[in-house]
């Protein structure tokens, strides 16, 4: 359920937000590297690579955008 949301965000916010999808079934080492214990897990990083927020379970498009806004990231120049 998350894959289409992430793909849409990746296209809509290209150049302003990097969206990376990791399939931990295909790459279990990545799951361990990022401490993934629940699928899906969303991890938000700032531009410096610091983890700012982690959510386990489904997280909708509007929730994702609201979280970025709460974290102080302005994505309002979108082409929505």
N, C-alpha and C. Protein backbone atom coordinates (compact mmCIF):
# COMPACT_ATOMS: atom_id res chain seq x y z
N UNK A 1 0.82 -1.21 0.00
CA UNK A 1 0.00 0.00 0.00
C UNK A 1 0.86 1.27 0.00
N UNK A 2 2.04 1.18 0.57
CA UNK A 2 2.91 2.36 0.65
C UNK A 2 3.63 2.65 -0.68
N UNK A 3 3.92 1.60 -1.46
CA UNK A 3 4.73 1.77 -2.67
C UNK A 3 4.16 2.83 -3.62
N UNK A 4 2.86 2.83 -3.95
CA UNK A 4 2.35 3.85 -4.87
C UNK A 4 2.43 5.26 -4.28
N UNK A 5 2.24 5.37 -2.98
CA UNK A 5 2.33 6.68 -2.32
C UNK A 5 3.76 7.21 -2.42
N UNK A 6 4.72 6.35 -2.12
CA UNK A 6 6.12 6.77 -2.16
C UNK A 6 6.54 7.11 -3.58
N UNK A 7 6.08 6.36 -4.56
CA UNK A 7 6.42 6.63 -5.96
C UNK A 7 5.86 7.99 -6.40
N UNK A 8 4.63 8.28 -5.98
CA UNK A 8 4.02 9.58 -6.33
C UNK A 8 4.78 10.72 -5.67
N UNK A 9 5.14 10.57 -4.40
CA UNK A 9 5.90 11.61 -3.71
C UNK A 9 7.27 11.81 -4.37
N UNK A 10 7.89 10.72 -4.77
CA UNK A 10 9.20 10.77 -5.42
C UNK A 10 9.13 11.61 -6.69
N UNK A 11 8.08 11.44 -7.48
CA UNK A 11 7.91 12.19 -8.73
C UNK A 11 7.51 13.64 -8.46
N UNK A 12 6.53 13.82 -7.60
CA UNK A 12 5.99 15.16 -7.33
C UNK A 12 7.03 16.08 -6.69
N UNK A 13 7.85 15.53 -5.81
CA UNK A 13 8.79 16.36 -5.06
C UNK A 13 10.25 16.13 -5.46
N UNK A 14 10.46 15.66 -6.67
CA UNK A 14 11.82 15.44 -7.19
C UNK A 14 12.62 16.74 -7.09
N UNK A 15 13.83 16.63 -6.58
CA UNK A 15 14.68 17.80 -6.41
C UNK A 15 14.49 18.51 -5.09
N UNK A 16 13.41 18.19 -4.38
CA UNK A 16 13.15 18.81 -3.09
C UNK A 16 13.13 17.80 -1.96
N UNK A 17 12.88 16.54 -2.32
CA UNK A 17 12.82 15.49 -1.32
C UNK A 17 13.25 14.20 -2.01
N UNK A 18 14.17 13.47 -1.40
CA UNK A 18 14.56 12.17 -1.91
C UNK A 18 13.69 11.11 -1.23
N UNK A 19 13.10 10.26 -2.04
CA UNK A 19 12.30 9.16 -1.53
C UNK A 19 12.99 7.88 -1.97
N UNK A 20 13.34 7.06 -0.99
CA UNK A 20 14.02 5.81 -1.28
C UNK A 20 13.18 4.67 -0.70
N UNK A 21 12.87 3.69 -1.53
CA UNK A 21 12.12 2.52 -1.10
C UNK A 21 13.08 1.35 -1.04
N UNK A 22 13.15 0.70 0.10
CA UNK A 22 14.00 -0.48 0.26
C UNK A 22 13.10 -1.66 0.57
N UNK A 23 13.17 -2.69 -0.27
CA UNK A 23 12.41 -3.91 -0.04
C UNK A 23 13.27 -4.82 0.85
N UNK A 24 12.94 -4.87 2.13
CA UNK A 24 13.76 -5.64 3.06
C UNK A 24 13.59 -7.15 2.89
N UNK A 25 12.58 -7.57 2.13
CA UNK A 25 12.47 -8.99 1.81
C UNK A 25 13.55 -9.36 0.80
N UNK A 26 13.84 -8.42 -0.12
CA UNK A 26 14.89 -8.66 -1.12
C UNK A 26 16.27 -8.29 -0.60
N UNK A 27 16.33 -7.37 0.36
CA UNK A 27 17.60 -6.91 0.91
C UNK A 27 17.54 -6.89 2.43
N UNK A 28 17.57 -8.08 3.06
CA UNK A 28 17.47 -8.14 4.52
C UNK A 28 18.57 -7.39 5.24
N UNK A 29 19.74 -7.28 4.64
CA UNK A 29 20.84 -6.54 5.28
C UNK A 29 20.47 -5.08 5.47
N UNK A 30 19.73 -4.51 4.53
CA UNK A 30 19.29 -3.11 4.67
C UNK A 30 18.34 -2.98 5.85
N UNK A 31 17.48 -3.97 6.03
CA UNK A 31 16.58 -3.94 7.18
C UNK A 31 17.35 -3.90 8.49
N UNK A 32 18.39 -4.70 8.57
CA UNK A 32 19.22 -4.70 9.78
C UNK A 32 19.97 -3.39 9.93
N UNK A 33 20.52 -2.88 8.82
CA UNK A 33 21.30 -1.63 8.85
C UNK A 33 20.47 -0.48 9.42
N UNK A 34 19.19 -0.42 9.02
CA UNK A 34 18.33 0.69 9.44
C UNK A 34 17.46 0.34 10.65
N UNK A 35 17.66 -0.83 11.23
CA UNK A 35 16.91 -1.21 12.43
C UNK A 35 15.43 -1.43 12.17
N UNK A 36 15.09 -1.96 11.00
CA UNK A 36 13.69 -2.19 10.64
C UNK A 36 13.20 -3.46 11.35
N UNK A 37 12.14 -3.32 12.13
CA UNK A 37 11.55 -4.46 12.80
C UNK A 37 10.09 -4.65 12.40
N UNK A 38 9.49 -3.64 11.78
CA UNK A 38 8.09 -3.67 11.36
C UNK A 38 8.03 -3.19 9.91
N UNK A 39 7.19 -3.83 9.12
CA UNK A 39 7.00 -3.41 7.73
C UNK A 39 5.56 -2.93 7.58
N UNK A 40 5.34 -1.74 7.03
CA UNK A 40 6.35 -0.79 6.57
C UNK A 40 6.87 0.09 7.70
N UNK A 41 8.05 0.61 7.49
CA UNK A 41 8.65 1.62 8.37
C UNK A 41 9.10 2.78 7.50
N UNK A 42 8.77 3.99 7.90
CA UNK A 42 9.22 5.18 7.20
C UNK A 42 10.22 5.90 8.11
N UNK A 43 11.35 6.26 7.53
CA UNK A 43 12.37 6.99 8.28
C UNK A 43 12.62 8.30 7.56
N UNK A 44 12.52 9.39 8.28
CA UNK A 44 12.72 10.72 7.73
C UNK A 44 14.10 11.21 8.14
N UNK A 45 14.90 11.60 7.17
CA UNK A 45 16.23 12.13 7.42
C UNK A 45 16.29 13.58 6.96
N UNK A 46 17.07 14.39 7.67
CA UNK A 46 17.29 15.76 7.21
C UNK A 46 18.39 15.76 6.15
N UNK A 47 18.69 16.93 5.61
CA UNK A 47 19.67 17.05 4.53
C UNK A 47 21.07 16.60 4.96
N UNK A 48 21.34 16.64 6.25
CA UNK A 48 22.65 16.23 6.76
C UNK A 48 22.70 14.72 7.03
N UNK A 49 21.59 14.02 6.83
CA UNK A 49 21.57 12.58 7.04
C UNK A 49 21.19 12.16 8.45
N UNK A 50 20.73 13.09 9.26
CA UNK A 50 20.33 12.79 10.64
C UNK A 50 18.87 12.33 10.65
N UNK A 51 18.62 11.22 11.33
CA UNK A 51 17.24 10.75 11.44
C UNK A 51 16.44 11.73 12.28
N UNK A 52 15.31 12.18 11.73
CA UNK A 52 14.45 13.15 12.41
C UNK A 52 13.16 12.53 12.94
N UNK A 53 12.71 11.44 12.28
CA UNK A 53 11.43 10.84 12.66
C UNK A 53 11.36 9.43 12.10
N UNK A 54 10.71 8.55 12.84
CA UNK A 54 10.52 7.16 12.39
C UNK A 54 9.08 6.77 12.70
N UNK A 55 8.44 6.15 11.73
CA UNK A 55 7.06 5.70 11.89
C UNK A 55 6.96 4.26 11.43
N UNK A 56 6.31 3.43 12.23
CA UNK A 56 6.09 2.03 11.88
C UNK A 56 4.62 1.82 11.57
N UNK A 57 4.34 1.16 10.44
CA UNK A 57 2.97 0.93 10.00
C UNK A 57 2.65 1.85 8.83
N UNK A 58 1.42 1.75 8.35
CA UNK A 58 1.01 2.56 7.22
C UNK A 58 1.05 4.04 7.58
N UNK A 59 1.53 4.86 6.66
CA UNK A 59 1.60 6.31 6.84
C UNK A 59 1.18 6.93 5.52
N UNK A 60 0.01 7.53 5.49
CA UNK A 60 -0.55 8.08 4.26
C UNK A 60 0.19 9.30 3.73
N UNK A 61 -0.08 9.63 2.48
CA UNK A 61 0.55 10.77 1.80
C UNK A 61 0.41 12.06 2.61
N UNK A 62 -0.82 12.38 3.01
CA UNK A 62 -1.05 13.62 3.75
C UNK A 62 -0.32 13.61 5.09
N UNK A 63 -0.24 12.44 5.71
CA UNK A 63 0.48 12.32 6.98
C UNK A 63 1.98 12.58 6.77
N UNK A 64 2.51 12.05 5.69
CA UNK A 64 3.93 12.25 5.38
C UNK A 64 4.22 13.73 5.15
N UNK A 65 3.38 14.38 4.35
CA UNK A 65 3.60 15.80 4.07
C UNK A 65 3.42 16.64 5.33
N UNK A 66 2.45 16.29 6.16
CA UNK A 66 2.23 17.02 7.41
C UNK A 66 3.42 16.86 8.35
N UNK A 67 4.02 15.67 8.37
CA UNK A 67 5.17 15.44 9.24
C UNK A 67 6.35 16.30 8.78
N UNK A 68 6.59 16.36 7.46
CA UNK A 68 7.67 17.21 6.96
C UNK A 68 7.43 18.66 7.36
N UNK A 69 6.18 19.11 7.24
CA UNK A 69 5.85 20.49 7.63
C UNK A 69 6.12 20.70 9.12
N UNK A 70 5.71 19.73 9.94
CA UNK A 70 5.96 19.79 11.39
C UNK A 70 7.45 19.85 11.69
N UNK A 71 8.25 19.17 10.86
CA UNK A 71 9.71 19.17 11.05
C UNK A 71 10.37 20.43 10.48
N UNK A 72 9.54 21.32 9.91
CA UNK A 72 10.07 22.60 9.41
C UNK A 72 10.53 22.58 7.97
N UNK A 73 10.11 21.57 7.21
CA UNK A 73 10.52 21.47 5.81
C UNK A 73 9.40 22.03 4.95
N UNK A 74 9.73 23.05 4.14
CA UNK A 74 8.75 23.69 3.27
C UNK A 74 8.76 23.02 1.91
N UNK A 75 7.69 22.30 1.60
CA UNK A 75 7.55 21.66 0.30
C UNK A 75 6.44 22.33 -0.52
N UNK A 76 6.06 23.54 -0.13
CA UNK A 76 4.91 24.22 -0.73
C UNK A 76 5.11 24.62 -2.18
N UNK A 77 6.31 24.58 -2.68
CA UNK A 77 6.55 24.95 -4.08
C UNK A 77 6.25 23.79 -5.01
N UNK A 78 5.38 22.89 -4.57
CA UNK A 78 5.09 21.69 -5.35
C UNK A 78 4.26 22.03 -6.57
N UNK A 79 4.16 21.05 -7.46
CA UNK A 79 3.38 21.20 -8.68
C UNK A 79 2.08 20.43 -8.58
N UNK A 80 1.55 20.32 -7.37
CA UNK A 80 0.29 19.58 -7.16
C UNK A 80 -0.85 20.32 -7.79
